[in-house]
């Protein structure tokens, strides 16, 4: 994806940011929760979504927050599908 493509798609998911880890661009967002039980329930929802779509993020679950990181291993960076999955993840948080 070009930087222009990334910018356009990122505008549709403004809560997300592009982070670089080991030279690889990734989409990242930290979601807040009132307690660990709520955070782990959200983590499980994201896991179910990931399994259904066969696209799996990095998930870091802590007390009161979950950080979700999407990228595509096969392209070693961002793909349009990562933006789709980020938007779907945000929808899960709104439920």
PDB file of N, CA and C in Angstrom:
ATOM      1  N   UNK A   1       0.840  -1.184   0.000  1.00  0.00           N
ATOM      2  CA  UNK A   1       0.000   0.000   0.000  1.00  0.00           C
ATOM      3  C   UNK A   1       0.886   1.249   0.000  1.00  0.00           C
ATOM      4  N   UNK A   2       0.430   2.252  -0.719  1.00  0.00           N
ATOM      5  CA  UNK A   2       1.175   3.506  -0.747  1.00  0.00           C
ATOM      6  C   UNK A   2       0.825   4.331   0.497  1.00  0.00           C
ATOM      7  N   UNK A   3       1.662   5.288   0.855  1.00  0.00           N
ATOM      8  CA  UNK A   3       1.329   6.171   1.971  1.00  0.00           C
ATOM      9  C   UNK A   3      -0.013   6.895   1.757  1.00  0.00           C
ATOM     10  N   UNK A   4      -0.325   7.225   0.510  1.00  0.00           N
ATOM     11  CA  UNK A   4      -1.605   7.862   0.195  1.00  0.00           C
ATOM     12  C   UNK A   4      -2.783   6.942   0.454  1.00  0.00           C
ATOM     13  N   UNK A   5      -2.638   5.674   0.089  1.00  0.00           N
ATOM     14  CA  UNK A   5      -3.679   4.674   0.352  1.00  0.00           C
ATOM     15  C   UNK A   5      -3.908   4.536   1.853  1.00  0.00           C
ATOM     16  N   UNK A   6      -2.818   4.457   2.585  1.00  0.00           N
ATOM     17  CA  UNK A   6      -2.907   4.302   4.044  1.00  0.00           C
ATOM     18  C   UNK A   6      -3.603   5.507   4.661  1.00  0.00           C
ATOM     19  N   UNK A   7      -3.238   6.705   4.228  1.00  0.00           N
ATOM     20  CA  UNK A   7      -3.841   7.932   4.764  1.00  0.00           C
ATOM     21  C   UNK A   7      -5.348   7.956   4.525  1.00  0.00           C
ATOM     22  N   UNK A   8      -5.775   7.608   3.308  1.00  0.00           N
ATOM     23  CA  UNK A   8      -7.204   7.600   2.975  1.00  0.00           C
ATOM     24  C   UNK A   8      -7.979   6.611   3.847  1.00  0.00           C
ATOM     25  N   UNK A   9      -7.442   5.413   3.982  1.00  0.00           N
ATOM     26  CA  UNK A   9      -8.130   4.393   4.769  1.00  0.00           C
ATOM     27  C   UNK A   9      -8.102   4.708   6.256  1.00  0.00           C
ATOM     28  N   UNK A  10      -7.035   5.319   6.719  1.00  0.00           N
ATOM     29  CA  UNK A  10      -6.912   5.675   8.129  1.00  0.00           C
ATOM     30  C   UNK A  10      -7.947   6.731   8.527  1.00  0.00           C
ATOM     31  N   UNK A  11      -8.331   7.576   7.572  1.00  0.00           N
ATOM     32  CA  UNK A  11      -9.362   8.584   7.832  1.00  0.00           C
ATOM     33  C   UNK A  11     -10.702   7.943   8.193  1.00  0.00           C
ATOM     34  N   UNK A  12     -10.928   6.728   7.733  1.00  0.00           N
ATOM     35  CA  UNK A  12     -12.183   6.021   8.010  1.00  0.00           C
ATOM     36  C   UNK A  12     -12.186   5.351   9.380  1.00  0.00           C
ATOM     37  N   UNK A  13     -11.012   5.224   9.994  1.00  0.00           N
ATOM     38  CA  UNK A  13     -10.897   4.624  11.329  1.00  0.00           C
ATOM     39  C   UNK A  13     -10.007   5.535  12.191  1.00  0.00           C
ATOM     40  N   UNK A  14     -10.488   6.728  12.514  1.00  0.00           N
ATOM     41  CA  UNK A  14      -9.643   7.747  13.148  1.00  0.00           C
ATOM     42  C   UNK A  14      -9.085   7.373  14.520  1.00  0.00           C
ATOM     43  N   UNK A  15      -9.673   6.419  15.202  1.00  0.00           N
ATOM     44  CA  UNK A  15      -9.170   6.039  16.522  1.00  0.00           C
ATOM     45  C   UNK A  15      -7.900   5.189  16.424  1.00  0.00           C
ATOM     46  N   UNK A  16      -7.607   4.703  15.244  1.00  0.00           N
ATOM     47  CA  UNK A  16      -6.468   3.827  15.019  1.00  0.00           C
ATOM     48  C   UNK A  16      -5.262   4.649  14.583  1.00  0.00           C
ATOM     49  N   UNK A  17      -4.065   4.100  14.828  1.00  0.00           N
ATOM     50  CA  UNK A  17      -2.844   4.757  14.385  1.00  0.00           C
ATOM     51  C   UNK A  17      -1.941   3.739  13.704  1.00  0.00           C
ATOM     52  N   UNK A  18      -1.061   4.252  12.862  1.00  0.00           N
ATOM     53  CA  UNK A  18      -0.061   3.393  12.245  1.00  0.00           C
ATOM     54  C   UNK A  18       1.173   3.437  13.134  1.00  0.00           C
ATOM     55  N   UNK A  19       1.600   2.265  13.566  1.00  0.00           N
ATOM     56  CA  UNK A  19       2.809   2.132  14.374  1.00  0.00           C
ATOM     57  C   UNK A  19       3.779   1.241  13.612  1.00  0.00           C
ATOM     58  N   UNK A  20       5.050   1.439  13.850  1.00  0.00           N
ATOM     59  CA  UNK A  20       6.066   0.621  13.202  1.00  0.00           C
ATOM     60  C   UNK A  20       6.773  -0.207  14.258  1.00  0.00           C
ATOM     61  N   UNK A  21       6.850  -1.504  14.009  1.00  0.00           N
ATOM     62  CA  UNK A  21       7.532  -2.418  14.908  1.00  0.00           C
ATOM     63  C   UNK A  21       8.434  -3.304  14.063  1.00  0.00           C
ATOM     64  N   UNK A  22       9.710  -3.323  14.357  1.00  0.00           N
ATOM     65  CA  UNK A  22      10.687  -4.073  13.559  1.00  0.00           C
ATOM     66  C   UNK A  22      10.637  -3.687  12.085  1.00  0.00           C
ATOM     67  N   UNK A  23      10.386  -2.406  11.817  1.00  0.00           N
ATOM     68  CA  UNK A  23      10.343  -1.909  10.450  1.00  0.00           C
ATOM     69  C   UNK A  23       9.076  -2.247   9.687  1.00  0.00           C
ATOM     70  N   UNK A  24       8.070  -2.812  10.383  1.00  0.00           N
ATOM     71  CA  UNK A  24       6.821  -3.219   9.745  1.00  0.00           C
ATOM     72  C   UNK A  24       5.696  -2.304  10.204  1.00  0.00           C
ATOM     73  N   UNK A  25       4.980  -1.721   9.249  1.00  0.00           N
ATOM     74  CA  UNK A  25       3.832  -0.867   9.585  1.00  0.00           C
ATOM     75  C   UNK A  25       2.662  -1.727  10.028  1.00  0.00           C
ATOM     76  N   UNK A  26       1.999  -1.265  11.100  1.00  0.00           N
ATOM     77  CA  UNK A  26       0.870  -2.000  11.664  1.00  0.00           C
ATOM     78  C   UNK A  26      -0.179  -1.011  12.133  1.00  0.00           C
ATOM     79  N   UNK A  27      -1.427  -1.447  12.151  1.00  0.00           N
ATOM     80  CA  UNK A  27      -2.510  -0.649  12.717  1.00  0.00           C
ATOM     81  C   UNK A  27      -2.654  -1.011  14.191  1.00  0.00           C
ATOM     82  N   UNK A  28      -2.792   0.007  15.030  1.00  0.00           N
ATOM     83  CA  UNK A  28      -2.845  -0.251  16.467  1.00  0.00           C
ATOM     84  C   UNK A  28      -3.866   0.664  17.148  1.00  0.00           C
ATOM     85  N   UNK A  29      -4.545   0.091  18.122  1.00  0.00           N
ATOM     86  CA  UNK A  29      -5.474   0.865  18.944  1.00  0.00           C
ATOM     87  C   UNK A  29      -5.571   0.206  20.316  1.00  0.00           C
ATOM     88  N   UNK A  30      -5.656   1.024  21.352  1.00  0.00           N
ATOM     89  CA  UNK A  30      -5.875   0.521  22.701  1.00  0.00           C
ATOM     90  C   UNK A  30      -7.294   0.888  23.117  1.00  0.00           C
ATOM     91  N   UNK A  31      -8.047  -0.111  23.524  1.00  0.00           N
ATOM     92  CA  UNK A  31      -9.429   0.050  23.969  1.00  0.00           C
ATOM     93  C   UNK A  31      -9.455   0.023  25.497  1.00  0.00           C
ATOM     94  N   UNK A  32     -10.275   0.875  26.096  1.00  0.00           N
ATOM     95  CA  UNK A  32     -10.374   0.945  27.559  1.00  0.00           C
ATOM     96  C   UNK A  32     -11.627   0.246  28.066  1.00  0.00           C
ATOM     97  N   UNK A  33     -11.503  -0.345  29.254  1.00  0.00           N
ATOM     98  CA  UNK A  33     -12.605  -1.071  29.892  1.00  0.00           C
ATOM     99  C   UNK A  33     -12.619  -0.776  31.384  1.00  0.00           C
ATOM    100  N   UNK A  34     -13.747  -1.060  32.015  1.00  0.00           N
ATOM    101  CA  UNK A  34     -13.895  -0.758  33.444  1.00  0.00           C
ATOM    102  C   UNK A  34     -13.182  -1.759  34.345  1.00  0.00           C
ATOM    103  N   UNK A  35     -12.864  -2.941  33.808  1.00  0.00           N
ATOM    104  CA  UNK A  35     -12.226  -3.966  34.621  1.00  0.00           C
ATOM    105  C   UNK A  35     -11.618  -5.047  33.727  1.00  0.00           C
ATOM    106  N   UNK A  36     -10.973  -6.021  34.351  1.00  0.00           N
ATOM    107  CA  UNK A  36     -10.329  -7.089  33.591  1.00  0.00           C
ATOM    108  C   UNK A  36     -11.351  -8.002  32.919  1.00  0.00           C
ATOM    109  N   UNK A  37     -12.454  -8.272  33.606  1.00  0.00           N
ATOM    110  CA  UNK A  37     -13.474  -9.161  33.045  1.00  0.00           C
ATOM    111  C   UNK A  37     -14.003  -8.621  31.714  1.00  0.00           C
ATOM    112  N   UNK A  38     -14.246  -7.322  31.656  1.00  0.00           N
ATOM    113  CA  UNK A  38     -14.716  -6.701  30.409  1.00  0.00           C
ATOM    114  C   UNK A  38     -13.642  -6.743  29.328  1.00  0.00           C
ATOM    115  N   UNK A  39     -12.401  -6.540  29.727  1.00  0.00           N
ATOM    116  CA  UNK A  39     -11.293  -6.562  28.770  1.00  0.00           C
ATOM    117  C   UNK A  39     -11.129  -7.954  28.165  1.00  0.00           C
ATOM    118  N   UNK A  40     -11.211  -8.976  29.002  1.00  0.00           N
ATOM    119  CA  UNK A  40     -11.023 -10.341  28.486  1.00  0.00           C
ATOM    120  C   UNK A  40     -12.213 -10.757  27.620  1.00  0.00           C
ATOM    121  N   UNK A  41     -13.409 -10.288  27.950  1.00  0.00           N
ATOM    122  CA  UNK A  41     -14.583 -10.586  27.112  1.00  0.00           C
ATOM    123  C   UNK A  41     -14.398  -9.980  25.717  1.00  0.00           C
ATOM    124  N   UNK A  42     -13.876  -8.746  25.661  1.00  0.00           N
ATOM    125  CA  UNK A  42     -13.615  -8.102  24.376  1.00  0.00           C
ATOM    126  C   UNK A  42     -12.532  -8.866  23.610  1.00  0.00           C
ATOM    127  N   UNK A  43     -11.487  -9.272  24.306  1.00  0.00           N
ATOM    128  CA  UNK A  43     -10.419 -10.051  23.680  1.00  0.00           C
ATOM    129  C   UNK A  43     -10.990 -11.301  23.025  1.00  0.00           C
ATOM    130  N   UNK A  44     -11.897 -11.963  23.709  1.00  0.00           N
ATOM    131  CA  UNK A  44     -12.522 -13.173  23.159  1.00  0.00           C
ATOM    132  C   UNK A  44     -13.368 -12.859  21.923  1.00  0.00           C
ATOM    133  N   UNK A  45     -14.069 -11.718  21.940  1.00  0.00           N
ATOM    134  CA  UNK A  45     -14.857 -11.316  20.762  1.00  0.00           C
ATOM    135  C   UNK A  45     -13.940 -11.077  19.559  1.00  0.00           C
ATOM    136  N   UNK A  46     -12.823 -10.405  19.800  1.00  0.00           N
ATOM    137  CA  UNK A  46     -11.873 -10.149  18.712  1.00  0.00           C
ATOM    138  C   UNK A  46     -11.305 -11.475  18.207  1.00  0.00           C
ATOM    139  N   UNK A  47     -11.042 -12.391  19.113  1.00  0.00           N
ATOM    140  CA  UNK A  47     -10.555 -13.713  18.723  1.00  0.00           C
ATOM    141  C   UNK A  47     -11.541 -14.456  17.849  1.00  0.00           C
ATOM    142  N   UNK A  48     -12.826 -14.362  18.178  1.00  0.00           N
ATOM    143  CA  UNK A  48     -13.856 -15.014  17.364  1.00  0.00           C
ATOM    144  C   UNK A  48     -13.927 -14.383  15.976  1.00  0.00           C
ATOM    145  N   UNK A  49     -13.848 -13.057  15.916  1.00  0.00           N
ATOM    146  CA  UNK A  49     -13.834 -12.358  14.633  1.00  0.00           C
ATOM    147  C   UNK A  49     -12.622 -12.797  13.809  1.00  0.00           C
ATOM    148  N   UNK A  50     -11.465 -12.845  14.446  1.00  0.00           N
ATOM    149  CA  UNK A  50     -10.237 -13.229  13.753  1.00  0.00           C
ATOM    150  C   UNK A  50     -10.342 -14.638  13.178  1.00  0.00           C
ATOM    151  N   UNK A  51     -10.889 -15.550  13.953  1.00  0.00           N
ATOM    152  CA  UNK A  51     -11.055 -16.926  13.471  1.00  0.00           C
ATOM    153  C   UNK A  51     -12.030 -16.977  12.296  1.00  0.00           C
ATOM    154  N   UNK A  52     -13.126 -16.244  12.395  1.00  0.00           N
ATOM    155  CA  UNK A  52     -14.123 -16.237  11.320  1.00  0.00           C
ATOM    156  C   UNK A  52     -13.535 -15.703  10.019  1.00  0.00           C
ATOM    157  N   UNK A  53     -12.653 -14.712  10.123  1.00  0.00           N
ATOM    158  CA  UNK A  53     -12.061 -14.086   8.936  1.00  0.00           C
ATOM    159  C   UNK A  53     -10.715 -14.703   8.544  1.00  0.00           C
ATOM    160  N   UNK A  54     -10.197 -15.602   9.389  1.00  0.00           N
ATOM    161  CA  UNK A  54      -8.881 -16.206   9.179  1.00  0.00           C
ATOM    162  C   UNK A  54      -7.789 -15.146   9.015  1.00  0.00           C
ATOM    163  N   UNK A  55      -7.870 -14.136   9.877  1.00  0.00           N
ATOM    164  CA  UNK A  55      -6.879 -13.059   9.904  1.00  0.00           C
ATOM    165  C   UNK A  55      -6.700 -12.704  11.373  1.00  0.00           C
ATOM    166  N   UNK A  56      -5.496 -12.859  11.889  1.00  0.00           N
ATOM    167  CA  UNK A  56      -5.289 -12.825  13.329  1.00  0.00           C
ATOM    168  C   UNK A  56      -4.382 -11.682  13.770  1.00  0.00           C
ATOM    169  N   UNK A  57      -4.841 -10.899  14.767  1.00  0.00           N
ATOM    170  CA  UNK A  57      -4.062  -9.765  15.252  1.00  0.00           C
ATOM    171  C   UNK A  57      -3.172 -10.153  16.430  1.00  0.00           C
ATOM    172  N   UNK A  58      -2.362  -9.226  16.816  1.00  0.00           N
ATOM    173  CA  UNK A  58      -1.670  -9.302  18.098  1.00  0.00           C
ATOM    174  C   UNK A  58      -2.633  -8.697  19.118  1.00  0.00           C
ATOM    175  N   UNK A  59      -2.866  -9.399  20.209  1.00  0.00           N
ATOM    176  CA  UNK A  59      -3.764  -8.933  21.263  1.00  0.00           C
ATOM    177  C   UNK A  59      -2.994  -8.881  22.578  1.00  0.00           C
ATOM    178  N   UNK A  60      -3.041  -7.730  23.233  1.00  0.00           N
ATOM    179  CA  UNK A  60      -2.425  -7.585  24.546  1.00  0.00           C
ATOM    180  C   UNK A  60      -3.538  -7.172  25.503  1.00  0.00           C
ATOM    181  N   UNK A  61      -3.880  -8.083  26.412  1.00  0.00           N
ATOM    182  CA  UNK A  61      -4.963  -7.844  27.363  1.00  0.00           C
ATOM    183  C   UNK A  61      -4.376  -7.555  28.740  1.00  0.00           C
ATOM    184  N   UNK A  62      -4.806  -6.446  29.311  1.00  0.00           N
ATOM    185  CA  UNK A  62      -4.361  -6.029  30.636  1.00  0.00           C
ATOM    186  C   UNK A  62      -5.582  -5.603  31.433  1.00  0.00           C
ATOM    187  N   UNK A  63      -5.394  -5.317  32.711  1.00  0.00           N
ATOM    188  CA  UNK A  63      -6.513  -4.830  33.508  1.00  0.00           C
ATOM    189  C   UNK A  63      -6.976  -3.508  32.906  1.00  0.00           C
ATOM    190  N   UNK A  64      -8.234  -3.478  32.465  1.00  0.00           N
ATOM    191  CA  UNK A  64      -8.841  -2.245  31.971  1.00  0.00           C
ATOM    192  C   UNK A  64      -8.484  -1.820  30.564  1.00  0.00           C
ATOM    193  N   UNK A  65      -7.717  -2.627  29.849  1.00  0.00           N
ATOM    194  CA  UNK A  65      -7.412  -2.237  28.466  1.00  0.00           C
ATOM    195  C   UNK A  65      -6.978  -3.428  27.626  1.00  0.00           C
ATOM    196  N   UNK A  66      -7.227  -3.267  26.319  1.00  0.00           N
ATOM    197  CA  UNK A  66      -6.808  -4.267  25.337  1.00  0.00           C
ATOM    198  C   UNK A  66      -6.198  -3.506  24.163  1.00  0.00           C
ATOM    199  N   UNK A  67      -4.988  -3.883  23.797  1.00  0.00           N
ATOM    200  CA  UNK A  67      -4.346  -3.300  22.626  1.00  0.00           C
ATOM    201  C   UNK A  67      -4.442  -4.322  21.498  1.00  0.00           C
ATOM    202  N   UNK A  68      -4.953  -3.845  20.357  1.00  0.00           N
ATOM    203  CA  UNK A  68      -5.134  -4.698  19.185  1.00  0.00           C
ATOM    204  C   UNK A  68      -4.231  -4.156  18.080  1.00  0.00           C
ATOM    205  N   UNK A  69      -3.486  -5.057  17.450  1.00  0.00           N
ATOM    206  CA  UNK A  69      -2.555  -4.672  16.390  1.00  0.00           C
ATOM    207  C   UNK A  69      -2.815  -5.566  15.173  1.00  0.00           C
ATOM    208  N   UNK A  70      -3.141  -4.925  14.052  1.00  0.00           N
ATOM    209  CA  UNK A  70      -3.397  -5.644  12.800  1.00  0.00           C
ATOM    210  C   UNK A  70      -2.292  -5.359  11.792  1.00  0.00           C
ATOM    211  N   UNK A  71      -1.850  -6.395  11.082  1.00  0.00           N
ATOM    212  CA  UNK A  71      -0.974  -6.285   9.914  1.00  0.00           C
ATOM    213  C   UNK A  71      -1.039  -7.618   9.184  1.00  0.00           C
ATOM    214  N   UNK A  72      -0.518  -7.634   7.987  1.00  0.00           N
ATOM    215  CA  UNK A  72      -0.584  -8.842   7.171  1.00  0.00           C
ATOM    216  C   UNK A  72       0.821  -9.412   7.013  1.00  0.00           C
ATOM    217  N   UNK A  73       1.009 -10.591   7.553  1.00  0.00           N
ATOM    218  CA  UNK A  73       2.318 -11.238   7.531  1.00  0.00           C
ATOM    219  C   UNK A  73       2.816 -11.469   6.104  1.00  0.00           C
ATOM    220  N   UNK A  74       1.924 -11.897   5.220  1.00  0.00           N
ATOM    221  CA  UNK A  74       2.353 -12.264   3.862  1.00  0.00           C
ATOM    222  C   UNK A  74       2.883 -11.076   3.058  1.00  0.00           C
ATOM    223  N   UNK A  75       2.449  -9.856   3.381  1.00  0.00           N
ATOM    224  CA  UNK A  75       2.966  -8.678   2.677  1.00  0.00           C
ATOM    225  C   UNK A  75       3.944  -7.906   3.551  1.00  0.00           C
ATOM    226  N   UNK A  76       4.162  -8.424   4.768  1.00  0.00           N
ATOM    227  CA  UNK A  76       5.107  -7.794   5.695  1.00  0.00           C
ATOM    228  C   UNK A  76       4.757  -6.332   5.953  1.00  0.00           C
ATOM    229  N   UNK A  77       3.464  -6.086   6.152  1.00  0.00           N
ATOM    230  CA  UNK A  77       3.006  -4.722   6.394  1.00  0.00           C
ATOM    231  C   UNK A  77       1.493  -4.643   6.319  1.00  0.00           C
ATOM    232  N   UNK A  78       1.014  -3.495   5.900  1.00  0.00           N
ATOM    233  CA  UNK A  78      -0.426  -3.260   5.864  1.00  0.00           C
ATOM    234  C   UNK A  78      -1.050  -3.644   4.524  1.00  0.00           C
ATOM    235  N   UNK A  79      -2.259  -4.160   4.637  1.00  0.00           N
ATOM    236  CA  UNK A  79      -3.081  -4.544   3.494  1.00  0.00           C
ATOM    237  C   UNK A  79      -4.474  -3.951   3.750  1.00  0.00           C
ATOM    238  N   UNK A  80      -5.244  -3.779   2.704  1.00  0.00           N
ATOM    239  CA  UNK A  80      -6.593  -3.236   2.841  1.00  0.00           C
ATOM    240  C   UNK A  80      -7.413  -4.035   3.863  1.00  0.00           C
ATOM    241  N   UNK A  81      -7.203  -5.322   3.931  1.00  0.00           N
ATOM    242  CA  UNK A  81      -7.940  -6.173   4.864  1.00  0.00           C
ATOM    243  C   UNK A  81      -7.679  -5.782   6.323  1.00  0.00           C
ATOM    244  N   UNK A  82      -6.495  -5.274   6.627  1.00  0.00           N
ATOM    245  CA  UNK A  82      -6.195  -4.847   7.994  1.00  0.00           C
ATOM    246  C   UNK A  82      -7.095  -3.684   8.411  1.00  0.00           C
ATOM    247  N   UNK A  83      -7.373  -2.794   7.488  1.00  0.00           N
ATOM    248  CA  UNK A  83      -8.247  -1.657   7.772  1.00  0.00           C
ATOM    249  C   UNK A  83      -9.690  -2.133   7.974  1.00  0.00           C
ATOM    250  N   UNK A  84     -10.108  -3.102   7.181  1.00  0.00           N
ATOM    251  CA  UNK A  84     -11.428  -3.709   7.334  1.00  0.00           C
ATOM    252  C   UNK A  84     -11.544  -4.347   8.717  1.00  0.00           C
ATOM    253  N   UNK A  85     -10.527  -5.089   9.113  1.00  0.00           N
ATOM    254  CA  UNK A  85     -10.552  -5.764  10.410  1.00  0.00           C
ATOM    255  C   UNK A  85     -10.509  -4.757  11.558  1.00  0.00           C
ATOM    256  N   UNK A  86      -9.775  -3.686  11.393  1.00  0.00           N
ATOM    257  CA  UNK A  86      -9.736  -2.643  12.424  1.00  0.00           C
ATOM    258  C   UNK A  86     -11.123  -2.030  12.602  1.00  0.00           C
ATOM    259  N   UNK A  87     -11.797  -1.748  11.494  1.00  0.00           N
ATOM    260  CA  UNK A  87     -13.158  -1.188  11.578  1.00  0.00           C
ATOM    261  C   UNK A  87     -14.103  -2.173  12.256  1.00  0.00           C
ATOM    262  N   UNK A  88     -14.000  -3.442  11.918  1.00  0.00           N
ATOM    263  CA  UNK A  88     -14.845  -4.476  12.556  1.00  0.00           C
ATOM    264  C   UNK A  88     -14.539  -4.572  14.054  1.00  0.00           C
ATOM    265  N   UNK A  89     -13.280  -4.439  14.415  1.00  0.00           N
ATOM    266  CA  UNK A  89     -12.890  -4.474  15.826  1.00  0.00           C
ATOM    267  C   UNK A  89     -13.518  -3.304  16.576  1.00  0.00           C
ATOM    268  N   UNK A  90     -13.480  -2.136  15.977  1.00  0.00           N
ATOM    269  CA  UNK A  90     -14.103  -0.958  16.597  1.00  0.00           C
ATOM    270  C   UNK A  90     -15.604  -1.170  16.795  1.00  0.00           C
ATOM    271  N   UNK A  91     -16.245  -1.810  15.823  1.00  0.00           N
ATOM    272  CA  UNK A  91     -17.678  -2.116  15.946  1.00  0.00           C
ATOM    273  C   UNK A  91     -17.944  -3.033  17.138  1.00  0.00           C
ATOM    274  N   UNK A  92     -17.052  -3.982  17.389  1.00  0.00           N
ATOM    275  CA  UNK A  92     -17.214  -4.880  18.539  1.00  0.00           C
ATOM    276  C   UNK A  92     -17.174  -4.107  19.849  1.00  0.00           C
ATOM    277  N   UNK A  93     -16.351  -3.090  19.889  1.00  0.00           N
ATOM    278  CA  UNK A  93     -16.215  -2.275  21.109  1.00  0.00           C
ATOM    279  C   UNK A  93     -17.480  -1.453  21.337  1.00  0.00           C
ATOM    280  N   UNK A  94     -18.154  -1.093  20.264  1.00  0.00           N
ATOM    281  CA  UNK A  94     -19.378  -0.298  20.380  1.00  0.00           C
ATOM    282  C   UNK A  94     -20.575  -1.112  20.853  1.00  0.00           C
ATOM    283  N   UNK A  95     -20.497  -2.430  20.701  1.00  0.00           N
ATOM    284  CA  UNK A  95     -21.616  -3.310  21.099  1.00  0.00           C
ATOM    285  C   UNK A  95     -21.880  -3.244  22.588  1.00  0.00           C
TER     286      UNK A  95
END
